[in-house]
Amino acid sequence: MNREKLVRDGIPELIAAAGGEPHVRTASDEEFRTFLLRKLAEEAAEVYAAPSIEELADVLEVLHAIANEISASWDQVEAARDAKAVARGAFSRRLLLRTEPV
């Protein structure tokens, strides 16, 4: 069982400052992408369980890292979001689509 998880850059120092001994290594490119996607799922689950600004900020931080990994600027991500909103709409109307026959 893999007992590693992706952590923010400052976490090892915080662990050490609290008297702990952090055991860290740097992920390979392939590992980093895998762990970023796991972290996104983890953070999204935390938003689902308890929505808050802080939890949303965690999701946003992971999204920024993923964008960087795929060589996309945040402006490009926002432009793609805007284009989708124009083409398909956003979620402001709270529409629920029935996916089974009535």
C-alpha atoms as a PDB file:
ATOM      1  CA  MET A   1       0.000   0.000   0.000  1.00  0.00           C
ATOM      2  CA  ASN A   2       1.339   3.404  -0.977  1.00  0.00           C
ATOM      3  CA  ARG A   3       1.656   5.559   2.115  1.00  0.00           C
ATOM      4  CA  GLU A   4       2.746   8.702   0.312  1.00  0.00           C
ATOM      5  CA  LYS A   5       0.672  11.758  -0.412  1.00  0.00           C
ATOM      6  CA  LEU A   6       1.328  15.041  -2.119  1.00  0.00           C
ATOM      7  CA  VAL A   7       1.710  17.895   0.352  1.00  0.00           C
ATOM      8  CA  ARG A   8       2.184  21.627   0.062  1.00  0.00           C
ATOM      9  CA  ASP A   9       5.784  22.817  -0.147  1.00  0.00           C
ATOM     10  CA  GLY A  10       5.850  24.212   3.402  1.00  0.00           C
ATOM     11  CA  ILE A  11       4.492  21.128   5.179  1.00  0.00           C
ATOM     12  CA  PRO A  12       7.869  19.449   5.880  1.00  0.00           C
ATOM     13  CA  GLU A  13       9.087  22.606   7.630  1.00  0.00           C
ATOM     14  CA  LEU A  14       5.904  22.788   9.701  1.00  0.00           C
ATOM     15  CA  ILE A  15       6.320  19.146  10.734  1.00  0.00           C
ATOM     16  CA  ALA A  16       9.957  19.763  11.689  1.00  0.00           C
ATOM     17  CA  ALA A  17       9.053  22.927  13.610  1.00  0.00           C
ATOM     18  CA  ALA A  18       6.536  20.877  15.601  1.00  0.00           C
ATOM     19  CA  GLY A  19       9.274  18.396  16.532  1.00  0.00           C
ATOM     20  CA  GLY A  20       8.499  15.775  13.909  1.00  0.00           C
ATOM     21  CA  GLU A  21      10.784  14.240  11.328  1.00  0.00           C
ATOM     22  CA  PRO A  22       9.283  14.577   7.849  1.00  0.00           C
ATOM     23  CA  HIS A  23      10.213  11.873   5.361  1.00  0.00           C
ATOM     24  CA  VAL A  24       9.826  13.362   1.894  1.00  0.00           C
ATOM     25  CA  ARG A  25      11.097  12.827  -1.610  1.00  0.00           C
ATOM     26  CA  THR A  26      10.531  14.631  -4.882  1.00  0.00           C
ATOM     27  CA  ALA A  27       8.020  12.996  -7.221  1.00  0.00           C
ATOM     28  CA  SER A  28       8.940  12.186 -10.805  1.00  0.00           C
ATOM     29  CA  ASP A  29       6.974  14.002 -13.521  1.00  0.00           C
ATOM     30  CA  GLU A  30       4.670  11.017 -14.026  1.00  0.00           C
ATOM     31  CA  GLU A  31       4.156  10.520 -10.285  1.00  0.00           C
ATOM     32  CA  PHE A  32       3.477  14.212  -9.792  1.00  0.00           C
ATOM     33  CA  ARG A  33       0.623  14.189 -12.308  1.00  0.00           C
ATOM     34  CA  THR A  34      -0.883  11.087 -10.704  1.00  0.00           C
ATOM     35  CA  PHE A  35      -0.586  12.523  -7.205  1.00  0.00           C
ATOM     36  CA  LEU A  36      -2.020  15.877  -8.351  1.00  0.00           C
ATOM     37  CA  LEU A  37      -5.124  14.123  -9.663  1.00  0.00           C
ATOM     38  CA  ARG A  38      -5.461  12.179  -6.402  1.00  0.00           C
ATOM     39  CA  LYS A  39      -5.066  15.432  -4.474  1.00  0.00           C
ATOM     40  CA  LEU A  40      -7.787  17.044  -6.607  1.00  0.00           C
ATOM     41  CA  ALA A  41     -10.173  14.185  -5.769  1.00  0.00           C
ATOM     42  CA  GLU A  42      -9.234  14.444  -2.077  1.00  0.00           C
ATOM     43  CA  GLU A  43      -9.762  18.198  -1.953  1.00  0.00           C
ATOM     44  CA  ALA A  44     -13.013  17.995  -3.944  1.00  0.00           C
ATOM     45  CA  ALA A  45     -14.303  15.402  -1.458  1.00  0.00           C
ATOM     46  CA  GLU A  46     -13.493  17.818   1.363  1.00  0.00           C
ATOM     47  CA  VAL A  47     -15.492  20.566  -0.367  1.00  0.00           C
ATOM     48  CA  TYR A  48     -18.356  18.099  -0.816  1.00  0.00           C
ATOM     49  CA  ALA A  49     -18.259  17.169   2.881  1.00  0.00           C
ATOM     50  CA  ALA A  50     -17.918  20.703   4.237  1.00  0.00           C
ATOM     51  CA  PRO A  51     -18.042  23.557   1.715  1.00  0.00           C
ATOM     52  CA  SER A  52     -15.933  26.530   2.805  1.00  0.00           C
ATOM     53  CA  ILE A  53     -13.737  29.217   1.315  1.00  0.00           C
ATOM     54  CA  GLU A  54     -10.658  27.479   2.715  1.00  0.00           C
ATOM     55  CA  GLU A  55     -11.567  24.149   1.105  1.00  0.00           C
ATOM     56  CA  LEU A  56     -12.317  25.883  -2.205  1.00  0.00           C
ATOM     57  CA  ALA A  57      -8.900  27.560  -1.984  1.00  0.00           C
ATOM     58  CA  ASP A  58      -7.300  24.119  -1.617  1.00  0.00           C
ATOM     59  CA  VAL A  59      -9.061  22.909  -4.778  1.00  0.00           C
ATOM     60  CA  LEU A  60      -7.988  26.058  -6.596  1.00  0.00           C
ATOM     61  CA  GLU A  61      -4.358  25.563  -5.553  1.00  0.00           C
ATOM     62  CA  VAL A  62      -4.403  22.040  -6.984  1.00  0.00           C
ATOM     63  CA  LEU A  63      -6.052  23.276 -10.187  1.00  0.00           C
ATOM     64  CA  HIS A  64      -3.324  25.899 -10.574  1.00  0.00           C
ATOM     65  CA  ALA A  65      -0.678  23.180 -10.173  1.00  0.00           C
ATOM     66  CA  ILE A  66      -2.398  20.961 -12.750  1.00  0.00           C
ATOM     67  CA  ALA A  67      -2.626  23.878 -15.194  1.00  0.00           C
ATOM     68  CA  ASN A  68       1.077  24.509 -14.714  1.00  0.00           C
ATOM     69  CA  GLU A  69       1.823  20.807 -15.293  1.00  0.00           C
ATOM     70  CA  ILE A  70       0.042  20.856 -18.651  1.00  0.00           C
ATOM     71  CA  SER A  71       1.756  24.142 -19.570  1.00  0.00           C
ATOM     72  CA  ALA A  72      -1.457  26.141 -19.432  1.00  0.00           C
ATOM     73  CA  SER A  73      -1.613  29.606 -17.940  1.00  0.00           C
ATOM     74  CA  TRP A  74      -4.446  30.437 -15.583  1.00  0.00           C
ATOM     75  CA  ASP A  75      -5.568  33.029 -18.142  1.00  0.00           C
ATOM     76  CA  GLN A  76      -5.935  30.193 -20.674  1.00  0.00           C
ATOM     77  CA  VAL A  77      -7.978  28.160 -18.207  1.00  0.00           C
ATOM     78  CA  GLU A  78     -10.233  31.143 -17.487  1.00  0.00           C
ATOM     79  CA  ALA A  79     -10.615  31.839 -21.223  1.00  0.00           C
ATOM     80  CA  ALA A  80     -11.665  28.209 -21.793  1.00  0.00           C
ATOM     81  CA  ARG A  81     -14.124  28.466 -18.900  1.00  0.00           C
ATOM     82  CA  ASP A  82     -15.556  31.686 -20.346  1.00  0.00           C
ATOM     83  CA  ALA A  83     -15.878  30.122 -23.808  1.00  0.00           C
ATOM     84  CA  LYS A  84     -17.737  27.114 -22.386  1.00  0.00           C
ATOM     85  CA  ALA A  85     -20.031  29.417 -20.430  1.00  0.00           C
ATOM     86  CA  VAL A  86     -20.867  31.322 -23.619  1.00  0.00           C
ATOM     87  CA  ALA A  87     -21.372  28.141 -25.666  1.00  0.00           C
ATOM     88  CA  ARG A  88     -23.169  25.983 -23.091  1.00  0.00           C
ATOM     89  CA  GLY A  89     -23.973  28.251 -20.183  1.00  0.00           C
ATOM     90  CA  ALA A  90     -22.820  28.117 -16.585  1.00  0.00           C
ATOM     91  CA  PHE A  91     -24.670  26.663 -13.600  1.00  0.00           C
ATOM     92  CA  SER A  92     -26.434  29.844 -12.479  1.00  0.00           C
ATOM     93  CA  ARG A  93     -29.928  28.594 -13.389  1.00  0.00           C
ATOM     94  CA  ARG A  94     -29.520  25.436 -11.261  1.00  0.00           C
ATOM     95  CA  LEU A  95     -30.984  23.215 -13.993  1.00  0.00           C
ATOM     96  CA  LEU A  96     -31.351  19.483 -13.316  1.00  0.00           C
ATOM     97  CA  LEU A  97     -31.669  17.254 -16.385  1.00  0.00           C
ATOM     98  CA  ARG A  98     -33.594  14.027 -16.037  1.00  0.00           C
ATOM     99  CA  THR A  99     -31.450  11.296 -17.569  1.00  0.00           C
ATOM    100  CA  GLU A 100     -34.023   8.523 -17.579  1.00  0.00           C
ATOM    101  CA  PRO A 101     -37.399   8.312 -19.332  1.00  0.00           C
ATOM    102  CA  VAL A 102     -40.419   9.626 -17.452  1.00  0.00           C
END
